[in-house]
Amino acid sequence: LVMLFLFAVIVLQYVCPGTECQLLRLRALSPAAAADPYR
């Protein structure tokens, strides 16, 4: 389980480096972000 967890963390870092990635995905789904693409 520990090895699986570490593997998942490493894959997540390759797919989405940094903590901002999750925040950007949440912002992209919000209606305010869709209203102004130049923001």
PDB file of all heavy atoms in Angstrom:
ATOM      1  N   LEU A   1       0.824  -1.205   0.000  1.00  0.00           N
ATOM      2  CA  LEU A   1       0.000   0.000   0.000  1.00  0.00           C
ATOM      3  C   LEU A   1       0.862   1.259   0.000  1.00  0.00           C
ATOM      4  O   LEU A   1       0.553   2.237  -0.705  1.00  0.00           O
ATOM      5  CB  LEU A   1      -0.933   0.003   1.214  1.00  0.00           C
ATOM      6  CG  LEU A   1      -2.091  -0.993   1.158  1.00  0.00           C
ATOM      7  CD1 LEU A   1      -2.854  -0.988   2.463  1.00  0.00           C
ATOM      8  CD2 LEU A   1      -3.011  -0.670   0.007  1.00  0.00           C
ATOM      9  N   VAL A   2       1.943   1.264   0.784  1.00  0.00           N
ATOM     10  CA  VAL A   2       2.850   2.403   0.809  1.00  0.00           C
ATOM     11  C   VAL A   2       3.495   2.590  -0.556  1.00  0.00           C
ATOM     12  O   VAL A   2       3.600   3.714  -1.068  1.00  0.00           O
ATOM     13  CB  VAL A   2       3.913   2.229   1.929  1.00  0.00           C
ATOM     14  CG1 VAL A   2       5.009   3.276   1.801  1.00  0.00           C
ATOM     15  CG2 VAL A   2       3.263   2.294   3.299  1.00  0.00           C
ATOM     16  N   MET A   3       3.934   1.512  -1.174  1.00  0.00           N
ATOM     17  CA  MET A   3       4.550   1.593  -2.520  1.00  0.00           C
ATOM     18  C   MET A   3       3.525   2.106  -3.540  1.00  0.00           C
ATOM     19  O   MET A   3       3.861   2.918  -4.400  1.00  0.00           O
ATOM     20  CB  MET A   3       5.096   0.227  -2.945  1.00  0.00           C
ATOM     21  CG  MET A   3       6.257  -0.256  -2.088  1.00  0.00           C
ATOM     22  SD  MET A   3       7.661   0.842  -2.171  1.00  0.00           S
ATOM     23  CE  MET A   3       8.311   0.405  -3.730  1.00  0.00           C
ATOM     24  N   LEU A   4       2.288   1.655  -3.459  1.00  0.00           N
ATOM     25  CA  LEU A   4       1.237   2.104  -4.369  1.00  0.00           C
ATOM     26  C   LEU A   4       0.971   3.597  -4.179  1.00  0.00           C
ATOM     27  O   LEU A   4       0.822   4.341  -5.154  1.00  0.00           O
ATOM     28  CB  LEU A   4      -0.048   1.292  -4.141  1.00  0.00           C
ATOM     29  CG  LEU A   4      -1.209   1.634  -5.068  1.00  0.00           C
ATOM     30  CD1 LEU A   4      -0.840   1.309  -6.506  1.00  0.00           C
ATOM     31  CD2 LEU A   4      -2.448   0.874  -4.650  1.00  0.00           C
ATOM     32  N   PHE A   5       0.936   4.048  -2.936  1.00  0.00           N
ATOM     33  CA  PHE A   5       0.736   5.456  -2.633  1.00  0.00           C
ATOM     34  C   PHE A   5       1.879   6.305  -3.201  1.00  0.00           C
ATOM     35  O   PHE A   5       1.647   7.338  -3.837  1.00  0.00           O
ATOM     36  CB  PHE A   5       0.607   5.667  -1.112  1.00  0.00           C
ATOM     37  CG  PHE A   5       0.490   7.106  -0.726  1.00  0.00           C
ATOM     38  CD1 PHE A   5      -0.692   7.798  -0.928  1.00  0.00           C
ATOM     39  CD2 PHE A   5       1.575   7.786  -0.175  1.00  0.00           C
ATOM     40  CE1 PHE A   5      -0.804   9.136  -0.590  1.00  0.00           C
ATOM     41  CE2 PHE A   5       1.469   9.118   0.168  1.00  0.00           C
ATOM     42  CZ  PHE A   5       0.282   9.802  -0.040  1.00  0.00           C
ATOM     43  N   LEU A   6       3.117   5.875  -2.995  1.00  0.00           N
ATOM     44  CA  LEU A   6       4.265   6.608  -3.523  1.00  0.00           C
ATOM     45  C   LEU A   6       4.249   6.643  -5.055  1.00  0.00           C
ATOM     46  O   LEU A   6       4.558   7.670  -5.668  1.00  0.00           O
ATOM     47  CB  LEU A   6       5.570   5.998  -3.012  1.00  0.00           C
ATOM     48  CG  LEU A   6       5.860   6.223  -1.524  1.00  0.00           C
ATOM     49  CD1 LEU A   6       7.107   5.444  -1.117  1.00  0.00           C
ATOM     50  CD2 LEU A   6       6.031   7.694  -1.229  1.00  0.00           C
ATOM     51  N   PHE A   7       3.873   5.537  -5.652  1.00  0.00           N
ATOM     52  CA  PHE A   7       3.776   5.477  -7.112  1.00  0.00           C
ATOM     53  C   PHE A   7       2.723   6.474  -7.611  1.00  0.00           C
ATOM     54  O   PHE A   7       2.940   7.199  -8.580  1.00  0.00           O
ATOM     55  CB  PHE A   7       3.438   4.057  -7.568  1.00  0.00           C
ATOM     56  CG  PHE A   7       3.290   3.928  -9.052  1.00  0.00           C
ATOM     57  CD1 PHE A   7       4.410   3.944  -9.883  1.00  0.00           C
ATOM     58  CD2 PHE A   7       2.035   3.808  -9.646  1.00  0.00           C
ATOM     59  CE1 PHE A   7       4.280   3.834 -11.249  1.00  0.00           C
ATOM     60  CE2 PHE A   7       1.892   3.701 -11.008  1.00  0.00           C
ATOM     61  CZ  PHE A   7       3.019   3.712 -11.817  1.00  0.00           C
ATOM     62  N   ALA A   8       1.590   6.540  -6.926  1.00  0.00           N
ATOM     63  CA  ALA A   8       0.525   7.463  -7.309  1.00  0.00           C
ATOM     64  C   ALA A   8       0.978   8.915  -7.167  1.00  0.00           C
ATOM     65  O   ALA A   8       0.679   9.759  -8.015  1.00  0.00           O
ATOM     66  CB  ALA A   8      -0.723   7.205  -6.472  1.00  0.00           C
ATOM     67  N   VAL A   9       1.723   9.230  -6.118  1.00  0.00           N
ATOM     68  CA  VAL A   9       2.220  10.586  -5.911  1.00  0.00           C
ATOM     69  C   VAL A   9       3.207  10.956  -7.016  1.00  0.00           C
ATOM     70  O   VAL A   9       3.177  12.070  -7.560  1.00  0.00           O
ATOM     71  CB  VAL A   9       2.857  10.728  -4.506  1.00  0.00           C
ATOM     72  CG1 VAL A   9       3.628  12.030  -4.386  1.00  0.00           C
ATOM     73  CG2 VAL A   9       1.790  10.627  -3.431  1.00  0.00           C
ATOM     74  N   ILE A  10       4.082  10.037  -7.365  1.00  0.00           N
ATOM     75  CA  ILE A  10       5.065  10.304  -8.426  1.00  0.00           C
ATOM     76  C   ILE A  10       4.363  10.521  -9.764  1.00  0.00           C
ATOM     77  O   ILE A  10       4.682  11.455 -10.503  1.00  0.00           O
ATOM     78  CB  ILE A  10       6.097   9.153  -8.504  1.00  0.00           C
ATOM     79  CG1 ILE A  10       6.972   9.168  -7.245  1.00  0.00           C
ATOM     80  CG2 ILE A  10       6.943   9.276  -9.766  1.00  0.00           C
ATOM     81  CD1 ILE A  10       7.866   7.960  -7.108  1.00  0.00           C
ATOM     82  N   VAL A  11       3.383   9.686 -10.089  1.00  0.00           N
ATOM     83  CA  VAL A  11       2.639   9.843 -11.340  1.00  0.00           C
ATOM     84  C   VAL A  11       1.906  11.178 -11.348  1.00  0.00           C
ATOM     85  O   VAL A  11       1.896  11.891 -12.355  1.00  0.00           O
ATOM     86  CB  VAL A  11       1.660   8.664 -11.549  1.00  0.00           C
ATOM     87  CG1 VAL A  11       0.683   8.954 -12.680  1.00  0.00           C
ATOM     88  CG2 VAL A  11       2.427   7.389 -11.830  1.00  0.00           C
ATOM     89  N   LEU A  12       1.306  11.557 -10.230  1.00  0.00           N
ATOM     90  CA  LEU A  12       0.602  12.825 -10.142  1.00  0.00           C
ATOM     91  C   LEU A  12       1.558  14.002 -10.380  1.00  0.00           C
ATOM     92  O   LEU A  12       1.193  14.975 -11.045  1.00  0.00           O
ATOM     93  CB  LEU A  12      -0.079  12.966  -8.779  1.00  0.00           C
ATOM     94  CG  LEU A  12      -0.881  14.244  -8.576  1.00  0.00           C
ATOM     95  CD1 LEU A  12      -2.040  14.290  -9.562  1.00  0.00           C
ATOM     96  CD2 LEU A  12      -1.382  14.344  -7.158  1.00  0.00           C
ATOM     97  N   GLN A  13       2.766  13.907  -9.876  1.00  0.00           N
ATOM     98  CA  GLN A  13       3.742  14.973 -10.075  1.00  0.00           C
ATOM     99  C   GLN A  13       4.147  15.104 -11.550  1.00  0.00           C
ATOM    100  O   GLN A  13       4.407  16.199 -12.028  1.00  0.00           O
ATOM    101  CB  GLN A  13       4.990  14.751  -9.203  1.00  0.00           C
ATOM    102  CG  GLN A  13       4.739  14.994  -7.731  1.00  0.00           C
ATOM    103  CD  GLN A  13       4.319  16.435  -7.480  1.00  0.00           C
ATOM    104  OE1 GLN A  13       4.932  17.369  -7.957  1.00  0.00           O
ATOM    105  NE2 GLN A  13       3.252  16.615  -6.722  1.00  0.00           N
ATOM    106  N   TYR A  14       4.206  13.989 -12.260  1.00  0.00           N
ATOM    107  CA  TYR A  14       4.522  14.049 -13.689  1.00  0.00           C
ATOM    108  C   TYR A  14       3.353  14.600 -14.494  1.00  0.00           C
ATOM    109  O   TYR A  14       3.533  15.382 -15.416  1.00  0.00           O
ATOM    110  CB  TYR A  14       4.910  12.667 -14.229  1.00  0.00           C
ATOM    111  CG  TYR A  14       6.340  12.315 -13.988  1.00  0.00           C
ATOM    112  CD1 TYR A  14       6.686  11.354 -13.052  1.00  0.00           C
ATOM    113  CD2 TYR A  14       7.354  12.945 -14.690  1.00  0.00           C
ATOM    114  CE1 TYR A  14       8.012  11.023 -12.817  1.00  0.00           C
ATOM    115  CE2 TYR A  14       8.681  12.630 -14.472  1.00  0.00           C
ATOM    116  CZ  TYR A  14       9.004  11.672 -13.531  1.00  0.00           C
ATOM    117  OH  TYR A  14      10.301  11.360 -13.314  1.00  0.00           O
ATOM    118  N   VAL A  15       2.158  14.171 -14.133  1.00  0.00           N
ATOM    119  CA  VAL A  15       0.974  14.599 -14.866  1.00  0.00           C
ATOM    120  C   VAL A  15       0.624  16.042 -14.545  1.00  0.00           C
ATOM    121  O   VAL A  15       0.252  16.819 -15.419  1.00  0.00           O
ATOM    122  CB  VAL A  15      -0.217  13.663 -14.552  1.00  0.00           C
ATOM    123  CG1 VAL A  15      -1.505  14.193 -15.153  1.00  0.00           C
ATOM    124  CG2 VAL A  15       0.071  12.267 -15.064  1.00  0.00           C
ATOM    125  N   CYS A  16       0.746  16.417 -13.282  1.00  0.00           N
ATOM    126  CA  CYS A  16       0.320  17.737 -12.837  1.00  0.00           C
ATOM    127  C   CYS A  16       1.311  18.268 -11.812  1.00  0.00           C
ATOM    128  O   CYS A  16       1.076  18.160 -10.611  1.00  0.00           O
ATOM    129  CB  CYS A  16      -1.081  17.617 -12.251  1.00  0.00           C
ATOM    130  SG  CYS A  16      -1.778  19.176 -11.769  1.00  0.00           S
ATOM    131  N   PRO A  17       2.431  18.833 -12.219  1.00  0.00           N
ATOM    132  CA  PRO A  17       3.420  19.309 -11.259  1.00  0.00           C
ATOM    133  C   PRO A  17       2.916  20.530 -10.484  1.00  0.00           C
ATOM    134  O   PRO A  17       2.212  21.368 -11.022  1.00  0.00           O
ATOM    135  CB  PRO A  17       4.626  19.668 -12.117  1.00  0.00           C
ATOM    136  CG  PRO A  17       4.074  19.902 -13.461  1.00  0.00           C
ATOM    137  CD  PRO A  17       2.857  19.047 -13.582  1.00  0.00           C
ATOM    138  N   GLY A  18       3.291  20.610  -9.232  1.00  0.00           N
ATOM    139  CA  GLY A  18       2.919  21.752  -8.389  1.00  0.00           C
ATOM    140  C   GLY A  18       1.513  21.636  -7.842  1.00  0.00           C
ATOM    141  O   GLY A  18       0.715  20.810  -8.264  1.00  0.00           O
ATOM    142  N   THR A  19       1.193  22.508  -6.909  1.00  0.00           N
ATOM    143  CA  THR A  19      -0.131  22.471  -6.293  1.00  0.00           C
ATOM    144  C   THR A  19      -1.129  23.322  -7.053  1.00  0.00           C
ATOM    145  O   THR A  19      -2.320  23.201  -6.850  1.00  0.00           O
ATOM    146  CB  THR A  19      -0.048  22.985  -4.838  1.00  0.00           C
ATOM    147  OG1 THR A  19       0.492  24.300  -4.871  1.00  0.00           O
ATOM    148  CG2 THR A  19       0.809  22.074  -3.991  1.00  0.00           C
ATOM    149  N   GLU A  20      -0.661  24.197  -7.938  1.00  0.00           N
ATOM    150  CA  GLU A  20      -1.567  25.080  -8.667  1.00  0.00           C
ATOM    151  C   GLU A  20      -2.424  24.333  -9.674  1.00  0.00           C
ATOM    152  O   GLU A  20      -3.463  24.817 -10.074  1.00  0.00           O
ATOM    153  CB  GLU A  20      -0.774  26.163  -9.383  1.00  0.00           C
ATOM    154  CG  GLU A  20      -0.101  27.117  -8.434  1.00  0.00           C
ATOM    155  CD  GLU A  20       0.678  28.181  -9.181  1.00  0.00           C
ATOM    156  OE1 GLU A  20       0.545  28.250 -10.412  1.00  0.00           O
ATOM    157  OE2 GLU A  20       1.403  28.915  -8.530  1.00  0.00           O
ATOM    158  N   CYS A  21      -2.001  23.182 -10.108  1.00  0.00           N
ATOM    159  CA  CYS A  21      -2.723  22.445 -11.136  1.00  0.00           C
ATOM    160  C   CYS A  21      -4.155  22.141 -10.691  1.00  0.00           C
ATOM    161  O   CYS A  21      -5.094  22.366 -11.435  1.00  0.00           O
ATOM    162  CB  CYS A  21      -1.983  21.158 -11.469  1.00  0.00           C
ATOM    163  SG  CYS A  21      -2.740  20.245 -12.826  1.00  0.00           S
ATOM    164  N   GLN A  22      -4.322  21.655  -9.496  1.00  0.00           N
ATOM    165  CA  GLN A  22      -5.657  21.340  -9.015  1.00  0.00           C
ATOM    166  C   GLN A  22      -6.495  22.615  -8.900  1.00  0.00           C
ATOM    167  O   GLN A  22      -7.677  22.626  -9.223  1.00  0.00           O
ATOM    168  CB  GLN A  22      -5.603  20.640  -7.637  1.00  0.00           C
ATOM    169  CG  GLN A  22      -5.085  19.228  -7.694  1.00  0.00           C
ATOM    170  CD  GLN A  22      -3.563  19.171  -7.687  1.00  0.00           C
ATOM    171  OE1 GLN A  22      -2.891  20.162  -7.431  1.00  0.00           O
ATOM    172  NE2 GLN A  22      -3.013  18.008  -7.986  1.00  0.00           N
ATOM    173  N   LEU A  23      -5.884  23.716  -8.452  1.00  0.00           N
ATOM    174  CA  LEU A  23      -6.619  24.968  -8.327  1.00  0.00           C
ATOM    175  C   LEU A  23      -7.030  25.505  -9.697  1.00  0.00           C
ATOM    176  O   LEU A  23      -8.127  26.026  -9.862  1.00  0.00           O
ATOM    177  CB  LEU A  23      -5.767  25.998  -7.583  1.00  0.00           C
ATOM    178  CG  LEU A  23      -5.410  25.657  -6.131  1.00  0.00           C
ATOM    179  CD1 LEU A  23      -4.455  26.702  -5.577  1.00  0.00           C
ATOM    180  CD2 LEU A  23      -6.664  25.572  -5.290  1.00  0.00           C
ATOM    181  N   LEU A  24      -6.150  25.363 -10.693  1.00  0.00           N
ATOM    182  CA  LEU A  24      -6.485  25.837 -12.032  1.00  0.00           C
ATOM    183  C   LEU A  24      -7.629  25.037 -12.630  1.00  0.00           C
ATOM    184  O   LEU A  24      -8.484  25.581 -13.323  1.00  0.00           O
ATOM    185  CB  LEU A  24      -5.266  25.770 -12.949  1.00  0.00           C
ATOM    186  CG  LEU A  24      -4.142  26.752 -12.640  1.00  0.00           C
ATOM    187  CD1 LEU A  24      -2.969  26.496 -13.572  1.00  0.00           C
ATOM    188  CD2 LEU A  24      -4.627  28.166 -12.769  1.00  0.00           C
ATOM    189  N   ARG A  25      -7.650  23.747 -12.373  1.00  0.00           N
ATOM    190  CA  ARG A  25      -8.756  22.928 -12.886  1.00  0.00           C
ATOM    191  C   ARG A  25     -10.070  23.363 -12.259  1.00  0.00           C
ATOM    192  O   ARG A  25     -11.084  23.431 -12.923  1.00  0.00           O
ATOM    193  CB  ARG A  25      -8.496  21.456 -12.573  1.00  0.00           C
ATOM    194  CG  ARG A  25      -7.502  20.829 -13.476  1.00  0.00           C
ATOM    195  CD  ARG A  25      -7.474  19.335 -13.277  1.00  0.00           C
ATOM    196  NE  ARG A  25      -6.308  18.799 -13.918  1.00  0.00           N
ATOM    197  CZ  ARG A  25      -5.626  17.758 -13.482  1.00  0.00           C
ATOM    198  NH1 ARG A  25      -6.010  17.131 -12.399  1.00  0.00           N
ATOM    199  NH2 ARG A  25      -4.567  17.328 -14.126  1.00  0.00           N
ATOM    200  N   LEU A  26     -10.063  23.659 -10.973  1.00  0.00           N
ATOM    201  CA  LEU A  26     -11.279  24.104 -10.313  1.00  0.00           C
ATOM    202  C   LEU A  26     -11.709  25.471 -10.841  1.00  0.00           C
ATOM    203  O   LEU A  26     -12.885  25.716 -11.055  1.00  0.00           O
ATOM    204  CB  LEU A  26     -11.077  24.156  -8.792  1.00  0.00           C
ATOM    205  CG  LEU A  26     -10.873  22.798  -8.105  1.00  0.00           C
ATOM    206  CD1 LEU A  26     -10.576  22.999  -6.630  1.00  0.00           C
ATOM    207  CD2 LEU A  26     -12.088  21.910  -8.294  1.00  0.00           C
ATOM    208  N   ARG A  27     -10.774  26.379 -11.090  1.00  0.00           N
ATOM    209  CA  ARG A  27     -11.101  27.693 -11.633  1.00  0.00           C
ATOM    210  C   ARG A  27     -11.650  27.579 -13.055  1.00  0.00           C
ATOM    211  O   ARG A  27     -12.532  28.313 -13.444  1.00  0.00           O
ATOM    212  CB  ARG A  27      -9.862  28.582 -11.662  1.00  0.00           C
ATOM    213  CG  ARG A  27      -9.645  29.311 -10.385  1.00  0.00           C
ATOM    214  CD  ARG A  27      -8.618  30.400 -10.620  1.00  0.00           C
ATOM    215  NE  ARG A  27      -7.772  30.476  -9.453  1.00  0.00           N
ATOM    216  CZ  ARG A  27      -6.534  30.865  -9.446  1.00  0.00           C
ATOM    217  NH1 ARG A  27      -5.956  31.199 -10.578  1.00  0.00           N
ATOM    218  NH2 ARG A  27      -5.844  30.920  -8.345  1.00  0.00           N
ATOM    219  N   ALA A  28     -11.082  26.665 -13.819  1.00  0.00           N
ATOM    220  CA  ALA A  28     -11.527  26.505 -15.207  1.00  0.00           C
ATOM    221  C   ALA A  28     -12.967  26.028 -15.268  1.00  0.00           C
ATOM    222  O   ALA A  28     -13.674  26.312 -16.230  1.00  0.00           O
ATOM    223  CB  ALA A  28     -10.617  25.535 -15.944  1.00  0.00           C
ATOM    224  N   LEU A  29     -13.410  25.300 -14.264  1.00  0.00           N
ATOM    225  CA  LEU A  29     -14.775  24.803 -14.257  1.00  0.00           C
ATOM    226  C   LEU A  29     -15.767  25.828 -13.730  1.00  0.00           C
ATOM    227  O   LEU A  29     -16.963  25.677 -13.902  1.00  0.00           O
ATOM    228  CB  LEU A  29     -14.860  23.526 -13.400  1.00  0.00           C
ATOM    229  CG  LEU A  29     -14.035  22.340 -13.916  1.00  0.00           C
ATOM    230  CD1 LEU A  29     -14.106  21.181 -12.937  1.00  0.00           C
ATOM    231  CD2 LEU A  29     -14.516  21.908 -15.292  1.00  0.00           C
ATOM    232  N   SER A  30     -15.287  26.875 -13.091  1.00  0.00           N
ATOM    233  CA  SER A  30     -16.191  27.879 -12.531  1.00  0.00           C
ATOM    234  C   SER A  30     -16.762  28.752 -13.649  1.00  0.00           C
ATOM    235  O   SER A  30     -16.105  29.003 -14.648  1.00  0.00           O
ATOM    236  CB  SER A  30     -15.464  28.745 -11.506  1.00  0.00           C
ATOM    237  OG  SER A  30     -14.535  29.582 -12.159  1.00  0.00           O
ATOM    238  N   PRO A  31     -18.011  29.246 -13.495  1.00  0.00           N
ATOM    239  CA  PRO A  31     -18.623  30.056 -14.557  1.00  0.00           C
ATOM    240  C   PRO A  31     -17.916  31.379 -14.799  1.00  0.00           C
ATOM    241  O   PRO A  31     -17.906  31.882 -15.905  1.00  0.00           O
ATOM    242  CB  PRO A  31     -20.051  30.299 -14.050  1.00  0.00           C
ATOM    243  CG  PRO A  31     -20.177  29.642 -12.727  1.00  0.00           C
ATOM    244  CD  PRO A  31     -18.887  28.986 -12.384  1.00  0.00           C
ATOM    245  N   ALA A  32     -17.277  31.953 -13.779  1.00  0.00           N
ATOM    246  CA  ALA A  32     -16.590  33.239 -13.966  1.00  0.00           C
ATOM    247  C   ALA A  32     -15.416  33.094 -14.914  1.00  0.00           C
ATOM    248  O   ALA A  32     -15.135  33.982 -15.710  1.00  0.00           O
ATOM    249  CB  ALA A  32     -16.122  33.772 -12.617  1.00  0.00           C
ATOM    250  N   ALA A  33     -14.700  31.979 -14.857  1.00  0.00           N
ATOM    251  CA  ALA A  33     -13.551  31.770 -15.734  1.00  0.00           C
ATOM    252  C   ALA A  33     -13.992  31.606 -17.178  1.00  0.00           C
ATOM    253  O   ALA A  33     -13.322  32.040 -18.099  1.00  0.00           O
ATOM    254  CB  ALA A  33     -12.751  30.559 -15.276  1.00  0.00           C
ATOM    255  N   ALA A  34     -15.135  30.964 -17.374  1.00  0.00           N
ATOM    256  CA  ALA A  34     -15.626  30.745 -18.731  1.00  0.00           C
ATOM    257  C   ALA A  34     -16.120  32.045 -19.365  1.00  0.00           C
ATOM    258  O   ALA A  34     -16.106  32.190 -20.563  1.00  0.00           O
ATOM    259  CB  ALA A  34     -16.734  29.709 -18.725  1.00  0.00           C
ATOM    260  N   ALA A  35     -16.542  33.009 -18.544  1.00  0.00           N
ATOM    261  CA  ALA A  35     -17.092  34.246 -19.069  1.00  0.00           C
ATOM    262  C   ALA A  35     -16.019  35.134 -19.701  1.00  0.00           C
ATOM    263  O   ALA A  35     -16.284  35.813 -20.669  1.00  0.00           O
ATOM    264  CB  ALA A  35     -17.802  35.004 -17.953  1.00  0.00           C
ATOM    265  N   ASP A  36     -14.803  35.154 -19.160  1.00  0.00           N
ATOM    266  CA  ASP A  36     -13.758  36.029 -19.669  1.00  0.00           C
ATOM    267  C   ASP A  36     -12.492  35.240 -19.963  1.00  0.00           C
ATOM    268  O   ASP A  36     -11.690  34.993 -19.072  1.00  0.00           O
ATOM    269  CB  ASP A  36     -13.457  37.141 -18.653  1.00  0.00           C
ATOM    270  CG  ASP A  36     -12.470  38.160 -19.203  1.00  0.00           C
ATOM    271  OD1 ASP A  36     -12.159  38.090 -20.407  1.00  0.00           O
ATOM    272  OD2 ASP A  36     -12.020  39.018 -18.424  1.00  0.00           O
ATOM    273  N   PRO A  37     -12.298  34.834 -21.206  1.00  0.00           N
ATOM    274  CA  PRO A  37     -11.114  34.032 -21.529  1.00  0.00           C
ATOM    275  C   PRO A  37      -9.813  34.813 -21.450  1.00  0.00           C
ATOM    276  O   PRO A  37      -8.737  34.240 -21.475  1.00  0.00           O
ATOM    277  CB  PRO A  37     -11.378  33.557 -22.961  1.00  0.00           C
ATOM    278  CG  PRO A  37     -12.300  34.576 -23.522  1.00  0.00           C
ATOM    279  CD  PRO A  37     -13.136  35.066 -22.368  1.00  0.00           C
ATOM    280  N   TYR A  38      -9.881  36.158 -21.359  1.00  0.00           N
ATOM    281  CA  TYR A  38      -8.672  36.969 -21.312  1.00  0.00           C
ATOM    282  C   TYR A  38      -8.246  37.312 -19.892  1.00  0.00           C
ATOM    283  O   TYR A  38      -7.284  38.025 -19.701  1.00  0.00           O
ATOM    284  CB  TYR A  38      -8.877  38.259 -22.125  1.00  0.00           C
ATOM    285  CG  TYR A  38      -9.193  37.969 -23.561  1.00  0.00           C
ATOM    286  CD1 TYR A  38     -10.478  38.120 -24.052  1.00  0.00           C
ATOM    287  CD2 TYR A  38      -8.215  37.495 -24.423  1.00  0.00           C
ATOM    288  CE1 TYR A  38     -10.774  37.824 -25.364  1.00  0.00           C
ATOM    289  CE2 TYR A  38      -8.503  37.196 -25.729  1.00  0.00           C
ATOM    290  CZ  TYR A  38      -9.779  37.365 -26.192  1.00  0.00           C
ATOM    291  OH  TYR A  38     -10.070  37.073 -27.491  1.00  0.00           O
ATOM    292  N   ARG A  39      -8.978  36.824 -18.895  1.00  0.00           N
ATOM    293  CA  ARG A  39      -8.621  37.093 -17.509  1.00  0.00           C
ATOM    294  C   ARG A  39      -7.362  36.330 -17.149  1.00  0.00           C
ATOM    295  O   ARG A  39      -7.242  35.142 -17.430  1.00  0.00           O
ATOM    296  CB  ARG A  39      -9.766  36.669 -16.581  1.00  0.00           C
ATOM    297  CG  ARG A  39      -9.569  37.193 -15.158  1.00  0.00           C
ATOM    298  CD  ARG A  39     -10.637  36.681 -14.263  1.00  0.00           C
ATOM    299  NE  ARG A  39     -10.245  35.335 -13.894  1.00  0.00           N
ATOM    300  CZ  ARG A  39     -11.058  34.408 -13.427  1.00  0.00           C
ATOM    301  NH1 ARG A  39     -12.323  34.662 -13.290  1.00  0.00           N
ATOM    302  NH2 ARG A  39     -10.614  33.228 -13.103  1.00  0.00           N
TER     303      ARG A  39
END
